[in-house]
Amino acid sequence: AIARVGTEDTPERAMLLAHLAVDRSYDGEPERRR
C-alpha cells in the first residue's frame, strides 16, 4: 500500500508508515523503525 500511494504528503502515507513501524516492532531493527 505504501508503494501504491506514492511519496507525496497524504494522510494515507503517514498512517501506513506508522502502522508499518508498529507491525515491525519485533524485527530486531529499531534503526529501521524509527
ModelCIF file with pLDDT and N, C-alpha, C, O atoms, coordinates in Angstrom:
data_MODEL
#
_entry.id   MODEL 
#
_entity.id                         1 
_entity.type                       polymer 
_entity.pdbx_number_of_molecules   1 
#
_entity_poly.entity_id                      1 
_entity_poly.type                           'polypeptide(L)' 
_entity_poly.nstd_linkage                   no 
_entity_poly.nstd_monomer                   no 
_entity_poly.pdbx_seq_one_letter_code       AIARVGTEDTPERAMLLAHLAVDRSYDGEPERRR 
_entity_poly.pdbx_seq_one_letter_code_can   AIARVGTEDTPERAMLLAHLAVDRSYDGEPERRR 
_entity_poly.pdbx_strand_id                 A 
#
loop_
_entity_poly_seq.entity_id 
_entity_poly_seq.num 
_entity_poly_seq.mon_id 
_entity_poly_seq.hetero 
1 1  ALA n 
1 2  ILE n 
1 3  ALA n 
1 4  ARG n 
1 5  VAL n 
1 6  GLY n 
1 7  THR n 
1 8  GLU n 
1 9  ASP n 
1 10 THR n 
1 11 PRO n 
1 12 GLU n 
1 13 ARG n 
1 14 ALA n 
1 15 MET n 
1 16 LEU n 
1 17 LEU n 
1 18 ALA n 
1 19 HIS n 
1 20 LEU n 
1 21 ALA n 
1 22 VAL n 
1 23 ASP n 
1 24 ARG n 
1 25 SER n 
1 26 TYR n 
1 27 ASP n 
1 28 GLY n 
1 29 GLU n 
1 30 PRO n 
1 31 GLU n 
1 32 ARG n 
1 33 ARG n 
1 34 ARG n 
#
_struct_asym.id          A 
_struct_asym.entity_id   1 
#
loop_
_ma_qa_metric.id 
_ma_qa_metric.mode 
_ma_qa_metric.name 
_ma_qa_metric.software_group_id 
_ma_qa_metric.type 
1 global pLDDT . pLDDT 
2 local  pLDDT . pLDDT 
#
_ma_qa_metric_global.metric_id      1 
_ma_qa_metric_global.metric_value   90.71 
_ma_qa_metric_global.model_id       1 
_ma_qa_metric_global.ordinal_id     1 
#
loop_
_ma_qa_metric_local.label_asym_id 
_ma_qa_metric_local.label_comp_id 
_ma_qa_metric_local.label_seq_id 
_ma_qa_metric_local.metric_id 
_ma_qa_metric_local.metric_value 
_ma_qa_metric_local.model_id 
_ma_qa_metric_local.ordinal_id 
A ALA 1  2 98.00 1 1  
A ILE 2  2 98.00 1 2  
A ALA 3  2 97.00 1 3  
A ARG 4  2 97.00 1 4  
A VAL 5  2 97.00 1 5  
A GLY 6  2 94.00 1 6  
A THR 7  2 95.00 1 7  
A GLU 8  2 96.00 1 8  
A ASP 9  2 97.00 1 9  
A THR 10 2 98.00 1 10 
A PRO 11 2 98.00 1 11 
A GLU 12 2 98.00 1 12 
A ARG 13 2 98.00 1 13 
A ALA 14 2 97.00 1 14 
A MET 15 2 97.00 1 15 
A LEU 16 2 97.00 1 16 
A LEU 17 2 96.00 1 17 
A ALA 18 2 95.00 1 18 
A HIS 19 2 95.00 1 19 
A LEU 20 2 94.00 1 20 
A ALA 21 2 91.00 1 21 
A VAL 22 2 90.00 1 22 
A ASP 23 2 90.00 1 23 
A ARG 24 2 90.00 1 24 
A SER 25 2 83.00 1 25 
A TYR 26 2 81.00 1 26 
A ASP 27 2 79.00 1 27 
A GLY 28 2 74.00 1 28 
A GLU 29 2 76.00 1 29 
A PRO 30 2 73.00 1 30 
A GLU 31 2 75.00 1 31 
A ARG 32 2 82.00 1 32 
A ARG 33 2 84.00 1 33 
A ARG 34 2 84.00 1 34 
#
loop_
_atom_site.group_PDB 
_atom_site.id 
_atom_site.type_symbol 
_atom_site.label_atom_id 
_atom_site.label_alt_id 
_atom_site.label_comp_id 
_atom_site.label_asym_id 
_atom_site.label_entity_id 
_atom_site.label_seq_id 
_atom_site.pdbx_PDB_ins_code 
_atom_site.Cartn_x 
_atom_site.Cartn_y 
_atom_site.Cartn_z 
_atom_site.occupancy 
_atom_site.B_iso_or_equiv 
_atom_site.pdbx_formal_charge 
_atom_site.auth_seq_id 
_atom_site.auth_comp_id 
_atom_site.auth_asym_id 
_atom_site.auth_atom_id 
_atom_site.pdbx_PDB_model_num 
ATOM 1   N N  . ALA A 1 1  ? 0.830  -1.204 0.000  1.00 98.00 ? 1  ALA A N  1 
ATOM 2   C CA . ALA A 1 1  ? 0.000  0.000  0.000  1.00 98.00 ? 1  ALA A CA 1 
ATOM 3   C C  . ALA A 1 1  ? 0.868  1.258  0.000  1.00 98.00 ? 1  ALA A C  1 
ATOM 4   O O  . ALA A 1 1  ? 0.537  2.236  -0.670 1.00 98.00 ? 1  ALA A O  1 
ATOM 5   N N  . ILE A 1 2  ? 1.965  1.242  0.738  1.00 98.00 ? 2  ILE A N  1 
ATOM 6   C CA . ILE A 1 2  ? 2.876  2.393  0.743  1.00 98.00 ? 2  ILE A CA 1 
ATOM 7   C C  . ILE A 1 2  ? 3.427  2.641  -0.657 1.00 98.00 ? 2  ILE A C  1 
ATOM 8   O O  . ILE A 1 2  ? 3.519  3.781  -1.113 1.00 98.00 ? 2  ILE A O  1 
ATOM 9   N N  . ALA A 1 3  ? 3.790  1.555  -1.326 1.00 97.00 ? 3  ALA A N  1 
ATOM 10  C CA . ALA A 1 3  ? 4.324  1.699  -2.685 1.00 97.00 ? 3  ALA A CA 1 
ATOM 11  C C  . ALA A 1 3  ? 3.281  2.298  -3.628 1.00 97.00 ? 3  ALA A C  1 
ATOM 12  O O  . ALA A 1 3  ? 3.623  3.071  -4.523 1.00 97.00 ? 3  ALA A O  1 
ATOM 13  N N  . ARG A 1 4  ? 2.015  1.945  -3.431 1.00 97.00 ? 4  ARG A N  1 
ATOM 14  C CA . ARG A 1 4  ? 0.967  2.418  -4.336 1.00 97.00 ? 4  ARG A CA 1 
ATOM 15  C C  . ARG A 1 4  ? 0.559  3.867  -4.061 1.00 97.00 ? 4  ARG A C  1 
ATOM 16  O O  . ARG A 1 4  ? 0.169  4.571  -4.993 1.00 97.00 ? 4  ARG A O  1 
ATOM 17  N N  . VAL A 1 5  ? 0.636  4.331  -2.819 1.00 97.00 ? 5  VAL A N  1 
ATOM 18  C CA . VAL A 1 5  ? 0.168  5.698  -2.537 1.00 97.00 ? 5  VAL A CA 1 
ATOM 19  C C  . VAL A 1 5  ? 1.204  6.748  -2.939 1.00 97.00 ? 5  VAL A C  1 
ATOM 20  O O  . VAL A 1 5  ? 0.868  7.927  -3.051 1.00 97.00 ? 5  VAL A O  1 
ATOM 21  N N  . GLY A 1 6  ? 2.444  6.346  -3.156 1.00 94.00 ? 6  GLY A N  1 
ATOM 22  C CA . GLY A 1 6  ? 3.464  7.275  -3.594 1.00 94.00 ? 6  GLY A CA 1 
ATOM 23  C C  . GLY A 1 6  ? 4.105  8.039  -2.449 1.00 94.00 ? 6  GLY A C  1 
ATOM 24  O O  . GLY A 1 6  ? 3.874  7.730  -1.280 1.00 94.00 ? 6  GLY A O  1 
ATOM 25  N N  . THR A 1 7  ? 4.909  9.037  -2.788 1.00 95.00 ? 7  THR A N  1 
ATOM 26  C CA . THR A 1 7  ? 5.737  9.731  -1.802 1.00 95.00 ? 7  THR A CA 1 
ATOM 27  C C  . THR A 1 7  ? 5.207  11.104 -1.421 1.00 95.00 ? 7  THR A C  1 
ATOM 28  O O  . THR A 1 7  ? 5.845  11.799 -0.630 1.00 95.00 ? 7  THR A O  1 
ATOM 29  N N  . GLU A 1 8  ? 4.076  11.518 -1.948 1.00 96.00 ? 8  GLU A N  1 
ATOM 30  C CA . GLU A 1 8  ? 3.507  12.810 -1.603 1.00 96.00 ? 8  GLU A CA 1 
ATOM 31  C C  . GLU A 1 8  ? 2.987  12.797 -0.161 1.00 96.00 ? 8  GLU A C  1 
ATOM 32  O O  . GLU A 1 8  ? 2.686  11.741 0.394  1.00 96.00 ? 8  GLU A O  1 
ATOM 33  N N  . ASP A 1 9  ? 2.890  13.996 0.433  1.00 97.00 ? 9  ASP A N  1 
ATOM 34  C CA . ASP A 1 9  ? 2.327  14.119 1.783  1.00 97.00 ? 9  ASP A CA 1 
ATOM 35  C C  . ASP A 1 9  ? 0.823  13.868 1.740  1.00 97.00 ? 9  ASP A C  1 
ATOM 36  O O  . ASP A 1 9  ? 0.068  14.702 1.240  1.00 97.00 ? 9  ASP A O  1 
ATOM 37  N N  . THR A 1 10 ? 0.395  12.744 2.252  1.00 98.00 ? 10 THR A N  1 
ATOM 38  C CA . THR A 1 10 ? -1.026 12.425 2.330  1.00 98.00 ? 10 THR A CA 1 
ATOM 39  C C  . THR A 1 10 ? -1.303 11.754 3.677  1.00 98.00 ? 10 THR A C  1 
ATOM 40  O O  . THR A 1 10 ? -0.401 11.161 4.269  1.00 98.00 ? 10 THR A O  1 
ATOM 41  N N  . PRO A 1 11 ? -2.533 11.845 4.161  1.00 98.00 ? 11 PRO A N  1 
ATOM 42  C CA . PRO A 1 11 ? -2.883 11.123 5.380  1.00 98.00 ? 11 PRO A CA 1 
ATOM 43  C C  . PRO A 1 11 ? -2.612 9.624  5.253  1.00 98.00 ? 11 PRO A C  1 
ATOM 44  O O  . PRO A 1 11 ? -2.178 8.979  6.207  1.00 98.00 ? 11 PRO A O  1 
ATOM 45  N N  . GLU A 1 12 ? -2.873 9.082  4.067  1.00 98.00 ? 12 GLU A N  1 
ATOM 46  C CA . GLU A 1 12 ? -2.708 7.641  3.866  1.00 98.00 ? 12 GLU A CA 1 
ATOM 47  C C  . GLU A 1 12 ? -1.245 7.222  4.044  1.00 98.00 ? 12 GLU A C  1 
ATOM 48  O O  . GLU A 1 12 ? -0.956 6.221  4.699  1.00 98.00 ? 12 GLU A O  1 
ATOM 49  N N  . ARG A 1 13 ? -0.333 7.989  3.461  1.00 98.00 ? 13 ARG A N  1 
ATOM 50  C CA . ARG A 1 13 ? 1.085  7.634  3.589  1.00 98.00 ? 13 ARG A CA 1 
ATOM 51  C C  . ARG A 1 13 ? 1.529  7.736  5.052  1.00 98.00 ? 13 ARG A C  1 
ATOM 52  O O  . ARG A 1 13 ? 2.239  6.864  5.551  1.00 98.00 ? 13 ARG A O  1 
ATOM 53  N N  . ALA A 1 14 ? 1.114  8.789  5.723  1.00 97.00 ? 14 ALA A N  1 
ATOM 54  C CA . ALA A 1 14 ? 1.507  8.961  7.125  1.00 97.00 ? 14 ALA A CA 1 
ATOM 55  C C  . ALA A 1 14 ? 1.035  7.778  7.969  1.00 97.00 ? 14 ALA A C  1 
ATOM 56  O O  . ALA A 1 14 ? 1.818  7.221  8.738  1.00 97.00 ? 14 ALA A O  1 
ATOM 57  N N  . MET A 1 15 ? -0.220 7.392  7.837  1.00 97.00 ? 15 MET A N  1 
ATOM 58  C CA . MET A 1 15 ? -0.753 6.313  8.658  1.00 97.00 ? 15 MET A CA 1 
ATOM 59  C C  . MET A 1 15 ? -0.134 4.965  8.297  1.00 97.00 ? 15 MET A C  1 
ATOM 60  O O  . MET A 1 15 ? 0.151  4.152  9.176  1.00 97.00 ? 15 MET A O  1 
ATOM 61  N N  . LEU A 1 16 ? 0.070  4.736  7.009  1.00 97.00 ? 16 LEU A N  1 
ATOM 62  C CA . LEU A 1 16 ? 0.671  3.465  6.592  1.00 97.00 ? 16 LEU A CA 1 
ATOM 63  C C  . LEU A 1 16 ? 2.090  3.321  7.136  1.00 97.00 ? 16 LEU A C  1 
ATOM 64  O O  . LEU A 1 16 ? 2.469  2.246  7.601  1.00 97.00 ? 16 LEU A O  1 
ATOM 65  N N  . LEU A 1 17 ? 2.875  4.393  7.082  1.00 96.00 ? 17 LEU A N  1 
ATOM 66  C CA . LEU A 1 17 ? 4.239  4.329  7.618  1.00 96.00 ? 17 LEU A CA 1 
ATOM 67  C C  . LEU A 1 17 ? 4.221  4.020  9.113  1.00 96.00 ? 17 LEU A C  1 
ATOM 68  O O  . LEU A 1 17 ? 5.013  3.213  9.598  1.00 96.00 ? 17 LEU A O  1 
ATOM 69  N N  . ALA A 1 18 ? 3.312  4.669  9.837  1.00 95.00 ? 18 ALA A N  1 
ATOM 70  C CA . ALA A 1 18 ? 3.228  4.439  11.279 1.00 95.00 ? 18 ALA A CA 1 
ATOM 71  C C  . ALA A 1 18 ? 2.777  3.016  11.581 1.00 95.00 ? 18 ALA A C  1 
ATOM 72  O O  . ALA A 1 18 ? 3.309  2.380  12.491 1.00 95.00 ? 18 ALA A O  1 
ATOM 73  N N  . HIS A 1 19 ? 1.809  2.512  10.834 1.00 95.00 ? 19 HIS A N  1 
ATOM 74  C CA . HIS A 1 19 ? 1.350  1.126  11.025 1.00 95.00 ? 19 HIS A CA 1 
ATOM 75  C C  . HIS A 1 19 ? 2.485  0.143  10.758 1.00 95.00 ? 19 HIS A C  1 
ATOM 76  O O  . HIS A 1 19 ? 2.650  -0.841 11.479 1.00 95.00 ? 19 HIS A O  1 
ATOM 77  N N  . LEU A 1 20 ? 3.266  0.419  9.713  1.00 94.00 ? 20 LEU A N  1 
ATOM 78  C CA . LEU A 1 20 ? 4.372  -0.481 9.383  1.00 94.00 ? 20 LEU A CA 1 
ATOM 79  C C  . LEU A 1 20 ? 5.389  -0.523 10.520 1.00 94.00 ? 20 LEU A C  1 
ATOM 80  O O  . LEU A 1 20 ? 5.892  -1.592 10.864 1.00 94.00 ? 20 LEU A O  1 
ATOM 81  N N  . ALA A 1 21 ? 5.690  0.628  11.100 1.00 91.00 ? 21 ALA A N  1 
ATOM 82  C CA . ALA A 1 21 ? 6.656  0.676  12.197 1.00 91.00 ? 21 ALA A CA 1 
ATOM 83  C C  . ALA A 1 21 ? 6.188  -0.182 13.368 1.00 91.00 ? 21 ALA A C  1 
ATOM 84  O O  . ALA A 1 21 ? 6.984  -0.923 13.945 1.00 91.00 ? 21 ALA A O  1 
ATOM 85  N N  . VAL A 1 22 ? 4.907  -0.091 13.727 1.00 90.00 ? 22 VAL A N  1 
ATOM 86  C CA . VAL A 1 22 ? 4.387  -0.872 14.851 1.00 90.00 ? 22 VAL A CA 1 
ATOM 87  C C  . VAL A 1 22 ? 4.376  -2.356 14.531 1.00 90.00 ? 22 VAL A C  1 
ATOM 88  O O  . VAL A 1 22 ? 4.761  -3.174 15.367 1.00 90.00 ? 22 VAL A O  1 
ATOM 89  N N  . ASP A 1 23 ? 3.936  -2.713 13.324 1.00 90.00 ? 23 ASP A N  1 
ATOM 90  C CA . ASP A 1 23 ? 3.851  -4.138 12.985 1.00 90.00 ? 23 ASP A CA 1 
ATOM 91  C C  . ASP A 1 23 ? 5.224  -4.770 12.802 1.00 90.00 ? 23 ASP A C  1 
ATOM 92  O O  . ASP A 1 23 ? 5.337  -5.993 12.721 1.00 90.00 ? 23 ASP A O  1 
ATOM 93  N N  . ARG A 1 24 ? 6.265  -3.951 12.736 1.00 90.00 ? 24 ARG A N  1 
ATOM 94  C CA . ARG A 1 24 ? 7.623  -4.494 12.690 1.00 90.00 ? 24 ARG A CA 1 
ATOM 95  C C  . ARG A 1 24 ? 8.343  -4.330 14.037 1.00 90.00 ? 24 ARG A C  1 
ATOM 96  O O  . ARG A 1 24 ? 9.573  -4.314 14.088 1.00 90.00 ? 24 ARG A O  1 
ATOM 97  N N  . SER A 1 25 ? 7.577  -4.211 15.115 1.00 83.00 ? 25 SER A N  1 
ATOM 98  C CA . SER A 1 25 ? 8.172  -3.966 16.429 1.00 83.00 ? 25 SER A CA 1 
ATOM 99  C C  . SER A 1 25 ? 9.196  -5.015 16.822 1.00 83.00 ? 25 SER A C  1 
ATOM 100 O O  . SER A 1 25 ? 10.140 -4.714 17.553 1.00 83.00 ? 25 SER A O  1 
ATOM 101 N N  . TYR A 1 26 ? 9.024  -6.244 16.348 1.00 81.00 ? 26 TYR A N  1 
ATOM 102 C CA . TYR A 1 26 ? 9.913  -7.330 16.748 1.00 81.00 ? 26 TYR A CA 1 
ATOM 103 C C  . TYR A 1 26 ? 10.833 -7.782 15.613 1.00 81.00 ? 26 TYR A C  1 
ATOM 104 O O  . TYR A 1 26 ? 11.228 -8.946 15.551 1.00 81.00 ? 26 TYR A O  1 
ATOM 105 N N  . ASP A 1 27 ? 11.167 -6.854 14.723 1.00 79.00 ? 27 ASP A N  1 
ATOM 106 C CA . ASP A 1 27 ? 12.044 -7.237 13.614 1.00 79.00 ? 27 ASP A CA 1 
ATOM 107 C C  . ASP A 1 27 ? 13.522 -7.170 13.983 1.00 79.00 ? 27 ASP A C  1 
ATOM 108 O O  . ASP A 1 27 ? 14.377 -7.530 13.174 1.00 79.00 ? 27 ASP A O  1 
ATOM 109 N N  . GLY A 1 28 ? 13.831 -6.713 15.195 1.00 74.00 ? 28 GLY A N  1 
ATOM 110 C CA . GLY A 1 28 ? 15.224 -6.639 15.635 1.00 74.00 ? 28 GLY A CA 1 
ATOM 111 C C  . GLY A 1 28 ? 16.005 -5.499 15.019 1.00 74.00 ? 28 GLY A C  1 
ATOM 112 O O  . GLY A 1 28 ? 17.228 -5.443 15.147 1.00 74.00 ? 28 GLY A O  1 
ATOM 113 N N  . GLU A 1 29 ? 15.311 -4.585 14.348 1.00 76.00 ? 29 GLU A N  1 
ATOM 114 C CA . GLU A 1 29 ? 15.993 -3.498 13.645 1.00 76.00 ? 29 GLU A CA 1 
ATOM 115 C C  . GLU A 1 29 ? 15.356 -2.150 13.998 1.00 76.00 ? 29 GLU A C  1 
ATOM 116 O O  . GLU A 1 29 ? 14.716 -1.535 13.145 1.00 76.00 ? 29 GLU A O  1 
ATOM 117 N N  . PRO A 1 30 ? 15.520 -1.684 15.229 1.00 73.00 ? 30 PRO A N  1 
ATOM 118 C CA . PRO A 1 30 ? 14.894 -0.405 15.613 1.00 73.00 ? 30 PRO A CA 1 
ATOM 119 C C  . PRO A 1 30 ? 15.384 0.765  14.785 1.00 73.00 ? 30 PRO A C  1 
ATOM 120 O O  . PRO A 1 30 ? 14.668 1.752  14.612 1.00 73.00 ? 30 PRO A O  1 
ATOM 121 N N  . GLU A 1 31 ? 16.605 0.662  14.269 1.00 75.00 ? 31 GLU A N  1 
ATOM 122 C CA . GLU A 1 31 ? 17.138 1.754  13.466 1.00 75.00 ? 31 GLU A CA 1 
ATOM 123 C C  . GLU A 1 31 ? 16.371 1.915  12.152 1.00 75.00 ? 31 GLU A C  1 
ATOM 124 O O  . GLU A 1 31 ? 16.454 2.963  11.512 1.00 75.00 ? 31 GLU A O  1 
ATOM 125 N N  . ARG A 1 32 ? 15.626 0.884  11.747 1.00 82.00 ? 32 ARG A N  1 
ATOM 126 C CA . ARG A 1 32 ? 14.784 0.985  10.556 1.00 82.00 ? 32 ARG A CA 1 
ATOM 127 C C  . ARG A 1 32 ? 13.369 1.433  10.922 1.00 82.00 ? 32 ARG A C  1 
ATOM 128 O O  . ARG A 1 32 ? 12.693 2.053  10.101 1.00 82.00 ? 32 ARG A O  1 
ATOM 129 N N  . ARG A 1 33 ? 12.914 1.137  12.122 1.00 84.00 ? 33 ARG A N  1 
ATOM 130 C CA . ARG A 1 33 ? 11.559 1.527  12.520 1.00 84.00 ? 33 ARG A CA 1 
ATOM 131 C C  . ARG A 1 33 ? 11.461 3.014  12.831 1.00 84.00 ? 33 ARG A C  1 
ATOM 132 O O  . ARG A 1 33 ? 10.481 3.664  12.468 1.00 84.00 ? 33 ARG A O  1 
ATOM 133 N N  . ARG A 1 34 ? 12.473 3.550  13.502 1.00 84.00 ? 34 ARG A N  1 
ATOM 134 C CA . ARG A 1 34 ? 12.385 4.941  13.932 1.00 84.00 ? 34 ARG A CA 1 
ATOM 135 C C  . ARG A 1 34 ? 12.207 5.910  12.755 1.00 84.00 ? 34 ARG A C  1 
ATOM 136 O O  . ARG A 1 34 ? 12.117 7.121  12.960 1.00 84.00 ? 34 ARG A O  1 
#
